C-alpha atoms as a PDB file:
ATOM      1  CA  MET A   1      13.877  19.131  -5.174  1.00  0.00           C
ATOM      2  CA  GLU A   2      14.511  15.380  -5.467  1.00  0.00           C
ATOM      3  CA  LYS A   3      16.206  13.634  -2.536  1.00  0.00           C
ATOM      4  CA  TRP A   4      16.433  10.143  -1.005  1.00  0.00           C
ATOM      5  CA  LEU A   5      14.741   8.962   2.218  1.00  0.00           C
ATOM      6  CA  GLU A   6      16.250   6.119   4.261  1.00  0.00           C
ATOM      7  CA  CYS A   7      14.156   2.937   4.328  1.00  0.00           C
ATOM      8  CA  THR A   8      14.194  -0.852   4.536  1.00  0.00           C
ATOM      9  CA  ILE A   9      13.475  -2.830   1.370  1.00  0.00           C
ATOM     10  CA  SER A  10      12.033  -6.341   0.987  1.00  0.00           C
ATOM     11  CA  PRO A  11      10.673  -8.290  -1.997  1.00  0.00           C
ATOM     12  CA  GLY A  12       7.250  -7.208  -3.251  1.00  0.00           C
ATOM     13  CA  GLN A  13       4.289  -9.254  -4.403  1.00  0.00           C
ATOM     14  CA  PHE A  14       5.064  -8.911  -8.121  1.00  0.00           C
ATOM     15  CA  THR A  15       8.168  -8.950 -10.330  1.00  0.00           C
ATOM     16  CA  GLY A  16       9.954  -5.593 -10.336  1.00  0.00           C
ATOM     17  CA  GLU A  17       8.136  -4.406  -7.204  1.00  0.00           C
ATOM     18  CA  PHE A  18       9.544  -4.041  -3.705  1.00  0.00           C
ATOM     19  CA  ALA A  19       8.044  -3.575  -0.246  1.00  0.00           C
ATOM     20  CA  VAL A  20       9.320  -0.402   1.419  1.00  0.00           C
ATOM     21  CA  GLN A  21       9.180   0.303   5.153  1.00  0.00           C
ATOM     22  CA  GLY A  22      10.320   3.454   6.895  1.00  0.00           C
ATOM     23  CA  LYS A  23       9.680   5.799   9.793  1.00  0.00           C
ATOM     24  CA  MET A  24       8.172   9.239   9.942  1.00  0.00           C
ATOM     25  CA  PHE A  25       9.397  12.045  12.226  1.00  0.00           C
ATOM     26  CA  ASP A  26       7.588  10.604  15.272  1.00  0.00           C
ATOM     27  CA  ASP A  27       8.807   7.011  14.697  1.00  0.00           C
ATOM     28  CA  THR A  28       5.411   5.992  13.289  1.00  0.00           C
ATOM     29  CA  GLU A  29       6.029   3.432  10.571  1.00  0.00           C
ATOM     30  CA  PHE A  30       4.911   3.728   6.959  1.00  0.00           C
ATOM     31  CA  SER A  31       4.905   1.134   4.185  1.00  0.00           C
ATOM     32  CA  LEU A  32       4.244   0.959   0.462  1.00  0.00           C
ATOM     33  CA  PHE A  33       5.134  -0.950  -2.693  1.00  0.00           C
ATOM     34  CA  ALA A  34       7.465   0.759  -5.181  1.00  0.00           C
ATOM     35  CA  PRO A  35       9.236  -0.131  -8.433  1.00  0.00           C
ATOM     36  CA  LYS A  36      13.025  -0.489  -8.478  1.00  0.00           C
ATOM     37  CA  ALA A  37      13.317   2.762 -10.471  1.00  0.00           C
ATOM     38  CA  ASP A  38      12.245   4.714  -7.345  1.00  0.00           C
ATOM     39  CA  LEU A  39      14.651   2.890  -5.024  1.00  0.00           C
ATOM     40  CA  ASN A  40      18.364   2.888  -4.303  1.00  0.00           C
ATOM     41  CA  PHE A  41      19.853  -0.230  -2.679  1.00  0.00           C
ATOM     42  CA  SER A  42      22.479  -2.889  -3.164  1.00  0.00           C
ATOM     43  CA  GLY A  43      22.194  -6.618  -2.702  1.00  0.00           C
ATOM     44  CA  ASN A  44      19.170  -8.848  -3.104  1.00  0.00           C
ATOM     45  CA  PRO A  45      16.503  -8.307  -0.448  1.00  0.00           C
ATOM     46  CA  SER A  46      14.662 -11.373   0.828  1.00  0.00           C
ATOM     47  CA  TRP A  47      11.838 -11.813   3.316  1.00  0.00           C
ATOM     48  CA  ASP A  48      14.228 -13.015   6.003  1.00  0.00           C
ATOM     49  CA  LYS A  49      16.965 -10.479   5.092  1.00  0.00           C
ATOM     50  CA  PRO A  50      15.643  -7.066   4.027  1.00  0.00           C
ATOM     51  CA  VAL A  51      18.256  -4.512   2.941  1.00  0.00           C
ATOM     52  CA  GLN A  52      18.808  -0.904   3.914  1.00  0.00           C
ATOM     53  CA  GLY A  53      18.299   1.562   1.114  1.00  0.00           C
ATOM     54  CA  SER A  54      16.469   4.720   0.168  1.00  0.00           C
ATOM     55  CA  ILE A  55      13.400   5.807  -1.762  1.00  0.00           C
ATOM     56  CA  ARG A  56      13.143   8.825  -4.062  1.00  0.00           C
ATOM     57  CA  VAL A  57      11.197  11.749  -2.526  1.00  0.00           C
ATOM     58  CA  THR A  58      10.413  15.339  -3.399  1.00  0.00           C
ATOM     59  CA  ILE A  59      10.567  17.940  -0.632  1.00  0.00           C
ATOM     60  CA  SER A  60       7.434  20.099  -0.414  1.00  0.00           C
ATOM     61  CA  GLU A  61       8.000  22.124   2.747  1.00  0.00           C
ATOM     62  CA  GLN A  62      10.532  22.567   5.525  1.00  0.00           C
ATOM     63  CA  GLU A  63      10.065  23.816   9.071  1.00  0.00           C
ATOM     64  CA  ASP A  64      13.093  23.693  11.356  1.00  0.00           C
ATOM     65  CA  GLU A  65      14.274  20.052  11.339  1.00  0.00           C
ATOM     66  CA  LEU A  66      11.080  18.629   9.794  1.00  0.00           C
ATOM     67  CA  LEU A  67      10.380  18.095   6.099  1.00  0.00           C
ATOM     68  CA  LEU A  68       7.117  17.371   4.315  1.00  0.00           C
ATOM     69  CA  VAL A  69       8.013  14.985   1.487  1.00  0.00           C
ATOM     70  CA  ASN A  70       6.068  13.431  -1.362  1.00  0.00           C
ATOM     71  CA  LEU A  71       6.685   9.759  -2.038  1.00  0.00           C
ATOM     72  CA  PRO A  72       6.483   8.236  -5.525  1.00  0.00           C
ATOM     73  CA  ARG A  73       3.515   6.083  -4.405  1.00  0.00           C
ATOM     74  CA  PRO A  74       0.950   6.436  -1.589  1.00  0.00           C
ATOM     75  CA  THR A  75       1.627   4.675   1.703  1.00  0.00           C
ATOM     76  CA  PHE A  76      -0.874   2.173   3.038  1.00  0.00           C
ATOM     77  CA  GLU A  77      -1.364   4.305   6.153  1.00  0.00           C
ATOM     78  CA  ASN A  78      -1.060   8.016   5.281  1.00  0.00           C
ATOM     79  CA  GLY A  79      -1.291   8.808   1.590  1.00  0.00           C
ATOM     80  CA  GLN A  80       1.562  10.127  -0.520  1.00  0.00           C
ATOM     81  CA  ALA A  81       2.878  12.987   1.672  1.00  0.00           C
ATOM     82  CA  ILE A  82       4.599  12.292   4.994  1.00  0.00           C
ATOM     83  CA  THR A  83       6.651  14.289   7.505  1.00  0.00           C
ATOM     84  CA  VAL A  84      10.202  13.148   8.258  1.00  0.00           C
ATOM     85  CA  LYS A  85      13.238  14.456  10.105  1.00  0.00           C
ATOM     86  CA  LYS A  86      15.821  16.327   8.057  1.00  0.00           C
ATOM     87  CA  ASN A  87      18.548  13.843   9.060  1.00  0.00           C
ATOM     88  CA  GLN A  88      16.632  10.978   7.378  1.00  0.00           C
ATOM     89  CA  ILE A  89      17.216  12.562   3.936  1.00  0.00           C
ATOM     90  CA  LYS A  90      20.290  12.086   1.749  1.00  0.00           C
END
């Protein structure tokens, strides 16, 4: 089931790529680079003014208010699957 996870988006290192930052269920931060096709945001993010947006995720499992989601790319910290709160998903 495809959904969208809230995140903050900044320019990436290469054309067509963006830096994505977000939080997991325990407020631990995650980050990754993703192409625009996997993101939903408006405006033009810059290094001094990132924009709020969302990244495409697939829900793998749910337990109470926690969801295990798969990201389109691996994070730098935790791989491709992370746990988030249900209220972080659109």
